[in-house]
Amino acid sequence: MAQIVGGFLVPHDPVMFVAGDAAPADKAEKVWGAFETCAQRLADSGATTVIIVGNDHYMLFGTTCLPKYCIATGHLEGPLDQLPGLKRGQIENNEALATAIAEHGAENGFDWSVARSFTTDHSFSIPHQLIVRRAEELSGRSIAAIPVYLASAVDPYITTERSRELGAQMNAAIEAFAGDDKVAVIGSGGISHWVGTKESGKVNEAFDRRVIDSCCSLDMDGLASLSNEEILEEGGNGAMEIRNFLCAMAAVNPVSTDLVEYQPVPEWVTGLGFIELKVA
């Protein structure tokens, strides 16, 4: 049977790649170091597959077809939005597990949109490159990766509660899978940030700390209770990505957490938090 070995909540800030020198050196060092810490811990976990829960940024699905949640079950490559130091390439998918998650969902009231060929964007590819690929280097073993995309950046949004329910369905599907995979789940998203608005560059540390506290105390009820209006007002449109955190937390069903790092970095337009989700 497949086994869930843990997970992480991490940012996917593209500004780190296009304006790396903009942030104060001490903050930048801590953020890059946090990615390295997560990579080492992933390597140590023995994970053979990582599910990365991210979201479209009007790049992949456009404005005409906006699935509430989608899983890639076939050929995989990316990212579409190539950044300095983040180049497009083919990615090893775990097609059998991804298909099993979608089929389990269909049997239990979750109608997954399925991509039989998929190109990722930076919400998947930043944690994939900085954590998963780096963990492969550190461990000397191959680690497959499955993209899950939620409607957490573009209206109409998936609800916070449905994000949580979807994560629980993923948990059940993984545990029912007949393979011997060891699975980690990464929730990929910023905390407070405003995308394409006049407030861009603002970071609300108080809101970030509230979200971090809820995640670290495993208070999924509190996190799910945040209304869209409250999130948009206090954390910006980018903070709708906390849905990715909720989904990953429910998928892992952790018993404890560890705050790896938090840095508010207005120069990178985002509050950047890193939390490990532990199952033992």
Protein backbone atom coordinates (compact mmCIF):
# COMPACT_ATOMS: atom_id res chain seq x y z
CA MET A 1 0.00 0.00 0.00
CA ALA A 2 1.12 3.57 -0.66
CA GLN A 3 2.27 5.57 2.35
CA ILE A 4 2.09 9.30 3.05
CA VAL A 5 5.42 10.41 4.51
CA GLY A 6 4.81 14.13 5.07
CA GLY A 7 4.67 17.41 3.22
CA PHE A 8 5.41 21.11 3.09
CA LEU A 9 3.71 24.47 2.64
CA VAL A 10 5.96 26.75 0.61
CA PRO A 11 5.82 29.84 -1.63
CA HIS A 12 6.22 30.03 -5.40
CA ASP A 13 7.41 33.60 -5.82
CA PRO A 14 8.65 34.27 -9.39
CA VAL A 15 10.08 37.66 -8.39
CA MET A 16 12.85 35.77 -6.59
CA PHE A 17 14.05 34.69 -10.02
CA VAL A 18 13.62 37.94 -11.96
CA ALA A 19 14.74 40.39 -9.25
CA GLY A 20 16.83 38.28 -6.91
CA ASP A 21 19.03 41.19 -5.83
CA ALA A 22 16.08 43.41 -4.92
CA ALA A 23 15.56 41.84 -1.49
CA PRO A 24 17.86 42.51 1.47
CA ALA A 25 20.66 39.94 1.44
CA ASP A 26 19.85 38.53 4.87
CA LYS A 27 16.20 37.92 3.97
CA ALA A 28 17.10 36.45 0.59
CA GLU A 29 19.59 34.08 2.19
CA LYS A 30 16.99 32.86 4.66
CA VAL A 31 14.40 32.25 1.94
CA TRP A 32 16.76 30.37 -0.38
CA GLY A 33 18.03 28.48 2.66
CA ALA A 34 14.49 27.47 3.59
CA PHE A 35 14.00 25.86 0.20
CA GLU A 36 17.25 23.95 0.77
CA THR A 37 16.08 22.82 4.22
CA CYS A 38 12.81 21.53 2.75
CA ALA A 39 14.74 19.71 0.02
CA GLN A 40 16.97 18.00 2.57
CA ARG A 41 13.99 16.96 4.67
CA LEU A 42 12.20 15.64 1.59
CA ALA A 43 15.29 13.63 0.68
CA ASP A 44 15.44 12.24 4.22
CA SER A 45 11.74 11.24 4.11
CA GLY A 46 12.33 8.58 1.48
CA ALA A 47 9.55 10.01 -0.73
CA THR A 48 9.29 8.45 -4.18
CA THR A 49 6.46 10.70 -5.39
CA VAL A 50 5.52 14.29 -4.58
CA ILE A 51 2.12 15.84 -5.27
CA ILE A 52 2.39 19.61 -5.71
CA VAL A 53 -0.85 21.54 -5.20
CA GLY A 54 -0.70 24.84 -7.07
CA ASN A 55 -2.88 27.11 -9.15
CA ASP A 56 -3.17 28.63 -12.60
CA HIS A 57 -2.26 32.30 -13.12
CA TYR A 58 -4.34 32.81 -16.29
CA MET A 59 -1.52 31.13 -18.22
CA LEU A 60 -2.61 27.52 -18.60
CA PHE A 61 -6.39 27.54 -18.70
CA GLY A 62 -6.91 31.10 -19.93
CA THR A 63 -10.24 32.86 -19.50
CA THR A 64 -12.49 30.42 -21.33
CA CYS A 65 -12.24 27.20 -19.31
CA LEU A 66 -11.56 27.36 -15.59
CA PRO A 67 -11.69 23.96 -13.85
CA LYS A 68 -12.23 24.01 -10.10
CA TYR A 69 -9.58 21.30 -9.72
CA CYS A 70 -7.43 19.42 -12.20
CA ILE A 71 -4.87 16.60 -11.99
CA ALA A 72 -2.30 15.71 -14.64
CA THR A 73 -2.32 11.98 -15.41
CA GLY A 74 -0.08 11.79 -18.47
CA HIS A 75 2.83 13.49 -20.23
CA LEU A 76 4.21 16.33 -18.15
CA GLU A 77 6.55 19.23 -18.82
CA GLY A 78 7.11 22.81 -17.80
CA PRO A 79 7.15 25.51 -16.83
CA LEU A 80 5.34 27.44 -19.54
CA ASP A 81 6.55 30.74 -18.03
CA GLN A 82 10.30 30.29 -18.20
CA LEU A 83 12.17 32.47 -15.72
CA PRO A 84 15.90 33.09 -15.34
CA GLY A 85 17.23 29.86 -13.84
CA LEU A 86 13.90 28.05 -14.33
CA LYS A 87 13.93 26.35 -17.71
CA ARG A 88 11.32 24.18 -19.37
CA GLY A 89 11.84 20.44 -19.52
CA GLN A 90 10.11 17.08 -19.26
CA ILE A 91 9.01 15.98 -15.78
CA GLU A 92 8.55 12.43 -14.53
CA ASN A 93 4.91 11.95 -13.59
CA ASN A 94 3.50 9.09 -11.51
CA GLU A 95 0.72 8.38 -13.97
CA ALA A 96 -0.61 5.33 -12.16
CA LEU A 97 -1.10 7.14 -8.86
CA ALA A 98 -2.51 10.27 -10.50
CA THR A 99 -5.04 8.17 -12.42
CA ALA A 100 -5.95 6.28 -9.24
CA ILE A 101 -6.61 9.57 -7.41
CA ALA A 102 -8.93 10.74 -10.21
CA GLU A 103 -10.75 7.39 -10.36
CA HIS A 104 -11.13 7.24 -6.59
CA GLY A 105 -12.58 10.72 -6.73
CA ALA A 106 -15.10 9.75 -9.39
CA GLU A 107 -16.31 6.96 -7.12
CA ASN A 108 -16.64 9.29 -4.13
CA GLY A 109 -18.26 12.47 -5.37
CA PHE A 110 -15.20 14.31 -6.73
CA ASP A 111 -15.32 14.95 -10.47
CA TRP A 112 -11.72 15.70 -11.31
CA SER A 113 -10.78 17.50 -14.48
CA VAL A 114 -8.03 15.33 -15.97
CA ALA A 115 -5.15 16.50 -18.15
CA ARG A 116 -3.65 13.64 -20.16
CA SER A 117 -0.92 15.99 -21.33
CA PHE A 118 -0.01 19.02 -19.24
CA THR A 119 2.38 21.95 -19.08
CA THR A 120 2.93 23.43 -15.63
CA ASP A 121 3.49 27.02 -14.59
CA HIS A 122 5.69 28.43 -11.82
CA SER A 123 3.31 27.43 -9.01
CA PHE A 124 4.39 23.84 -9.64
CA SER A 125 7.82 24.33 -11.15
CA ILE A 126 9.41 26.54 -8.50
CA PRO A 127 8.90 24.05 -5.63
CA HIS A 128 9.58 21.21 -8.05
CA GLN A 129 12.97 22.59 -9.03
CA LEU A 130 14.04 23.96 -5.64
CA ILE A 131 12.74 21.11 -3.49
CA VAL A 132 11.99 17.97 -5.50
CA ARG A 133 14.84 18.16 -8.02
CA ARG A 134 17.23 19.19 -5.28
CA ALA A 135 16.04 16.27 -3.12
CA GLU A 136 16.82 13.97 -6.03
CA GLU A 137 20.38 15.32 -6.05
CA LEU A 138 20.73 14.93 -2.30
CA SER A 139 19.27 11.41 -2.16
CA GLY A 140 20.55 10.01 -5.42
CA ARG A 141 17.12 8.64 -6.33
CA SER A 142 14.40 9.61 -8.78
CA ILE A 143 11.27 11.30 -7.40
CA ALA A 144 8.14 11.53 -9.55
CA ALA A 145 5.84 14.55 -9.30
CA ILE A 146 2.10 14.98 -9.83
CA PRO A 147 0.56 18.42 -10.44
CA VAL A 148 -2.78 19.27 -8.86
CA TYR A 149 -4.19 22.66 -9.83
CA LEU A 150 -6.94 24.43 -7.87
CA ALA A 151 -8.98 27.48 -8.85
CA SER A 152 -7.32 29.53 -6.13
CA ALA A 153 -5.99 32.48 -8.12
CA VAL A 154 -8.74 33.25 -10.61
CA ASP A 155 -12.46 33.82 -9.95
CA PRO A 156 -14.67 31.78 -9.63
CA TYR A 157 -12.64 30.28 -6.80
CA ILE A 158 -12.94 26.82 -5.37
CA THR A 159 -14.25 27.21 -1.82
CA THR A 160 -11.91 26.76 1.11
CA GLU A 161 -14.04 23.92 2.43
CA ARG A 162 -14.04 22.11 -0.91
CA SER A 163 -10.25 22.49 -1.04
CA ARG A 164 -10.05 20.78 2.31
CA GLU A 165 -12.46 18.03 1.24
CA LEU A 166 -10.44 17.45 -1.91
CA GLY A 167 -7.30 17.00 0.15
CA ALA A 168 -9.05 14.43 2.32
CA GLN A 169 -10.14 12.57 -0.81
CA MET A 170 -6.53 12.56 -2.03
CA ASN A 171 -5.45 11.16 1.33
CA ALA A 172 -7.96 8.31 1.06
CA ALA A 173 -7.00 7.60 -2.55
CA ILE A 174 -3.28 7.46 -1.74
CA GLU A 175 -3.82 5.12 1.19
CA ALA A 176 -5.98 2.86 -1.00
CA PHE A 177 -3.41 2.73 -3.80
CA ALA A 178 -1.88 -0.70 -4.23
CA GLY A 179 1.63 0.52 -5.07
CA ASP A 180 4.47 0.81 -2.59
CA ASP A 181 4.93 4.53 -3.23
CA LYS A 182 6.02 6.88 -0.46
CA VAL A 183 4.16 10.12 -1.07
CA ALA A 184 4.77 13.68 0.08
CA VAL A 185 2.44 16.60 -0.64
CA ILE A 186 3.48 20.22 -1.16
CA GLY A 187 1.01 23.10 -0.89
CA SER A 188 2.43 25.85 -3.10
CA GLY A 189 1.41 29.46 -2.56
CA GLY A 190 2.23 32.83 -1.15
CA ILE A 191 0.60 34.30 1.88
CA SER A 192 -0.14 38.03 1.60
CA HIS A 193 0.48 39.49 -1.85
CA TRP A 194 -1.40 41.62 -4.31
CA VAL A 195 -1.09 40.62 -7.98
CA GLY A 196 -1.58 43.23 -10.69
CA THR A 197 -3.16 45.80 -8.38
CA LYS A 198 -2.10 49.20 -7.03
CA GLU A 199 -1.21 47.53 -3.71
CA SER A 200 1.42 45.30 -5.35
CA GLY A 201 4.49 45.22 -3.12
CA LYS A 202 2.48 45.38 0.08
CA VAL A 203 2.93 42.59 2.64
CA ASN A 204 0.61 42.22 5.63
CA GLU A 205 2.73 40.48 8.26
CA ALA A 206 -0.14 40.34 10.77
CA PHE A 207 -2.31 38.42 8.30
CA ASP A 208 0.62 36.16 7.40
CA ARG A 209 1.22 35.34 11.05
CA ARG A 210 -2.46 34.53 11.50
CA VAL A 211 -2.34 32.08 8.58
CA ILE A 212 0.94 30.59 9.79
CA ASP A 213 -0.44 30.14 13.30
CA SER A 214 -3.49 28.32 11.92
CA CYS A 215 -1.31 26.06 9.78
CA CYS A 216 1.19 25.32 12.54
CA SER A 217 -1.56 24.51 15.04
CA LEU A 218 -3.35 22.38 12.41
CA ASP A 219 -6.42 24.58 12.76
CA MET A 220 -7.93 23.78 9.38
CA ASP A 221 -11.34 24.92 10.63
CA GLY A 222 -9.94 28.37 11.34
CA LEU A 223 -8.18 28.57 8.00
CA ALA A 224 -11.26 27.39 6.11
CA SER A 225 -13.45 29.92 7.93
CA LEU A 226 -11.66 32.88 6.33
CA SER A 227 -14.10 34.51 3.92
CA ASN A 228 -13.11 35.61 0.42
CA GLU A 229 -13.76 39.20 1.42
CA GLU A 230 -11.49 38.93 4.46
CA ILE A 231 -8.69 37.28 2.50
CA LEU A 232 -8.87 39.84 -0.30
CA GLU A 233 -8.90 42.76 2.14
CA GLU A 234 -6.20 41.53 4.50
CA GLY A 235 -4.00 39.36 2.29
CA GLY A 236 -4.71 40.40 -1.28
CA ASN A 237 -5.86 38.42 -4.27
CA GLY A 238 -2.67 36.34 -4.14
CA ALA A 239 -3.54 35.10 -0.66
CA MET A 240 -6.46 33.16 -2.09
CA GLU A 241 -3.73 30.55 -2.58
CA ILE A 242 -4.16 29.49 1.04
CA ARG A 243 -6.61 27.03 -0.52
CA ASN A 244 -3.53 25.16 -1.75
CA PHE A 245 -2.31 25.00 1.85
CA LEU A 246 -5.65 23.64 3.07
CA CYS A 247 -5.74 20.97 0.37
CA ALA A 248 -2.18 19.85 1.12
CA MET A 249 -2.76 19.78 4.87
CA ALA A 250 -5.86 17.61 4.50
CA ALA A 251 -4.02 15.35 2.04
CA VAL A 252 -1.16 14.77 4.48
CA ASN A 253 -3.30 14.70 7.65
CA PRO A 254 -0.26 15.62 9.76
CA VAL A 255 0.12 15.10 13.49
CA SER A 256 2.50 18.04 13.94
CA THR A 257 4.26 20.83 12.06
CA ASP A 258 7.50 22.77 12.05
CA LEU A 259 7.83 26.40 11.00
CA VAL A 260 10.95 26.33 8.85
CA GLU A 261 11.00 30.04 7.98
CA TYR A 262 8.89 33.14 7.50
CA GLN A 263 10.07 36.31 5.81
CA PRO A 264 7.95 39.30 4.77
CA VAL A 265 9.68 40.55 1.63
CA PRO A 266 7.98 43.57 -0.01
CA GLU A 267 10.81 43.69 -2.55
CA TRP A 268 9.62 40.27 -3.72
CA VAL A 269 5.98 41.39 -3.26
CA THR A 270 5.08 38.46 -0.99
CA GLY A 271 4.97 37.11 2.53
CA LEU A 272 7.00 33.92 2.27
CA GLY A 273 6.26 31.08 4.69
CA PHE A 274 7.71 27.56 4.90
CA ILE A 275 6.07 24.90 7.09
CA GLU A 276 6.83 21.20 7.30
CA LEU A 277 3.86 18.85 7.76
CA LYS A 278 4.85 15.82 9.83
CA VAL A 279 3.07 12.49 10.06
CA ALA A 280 5.13 11.08 12.94
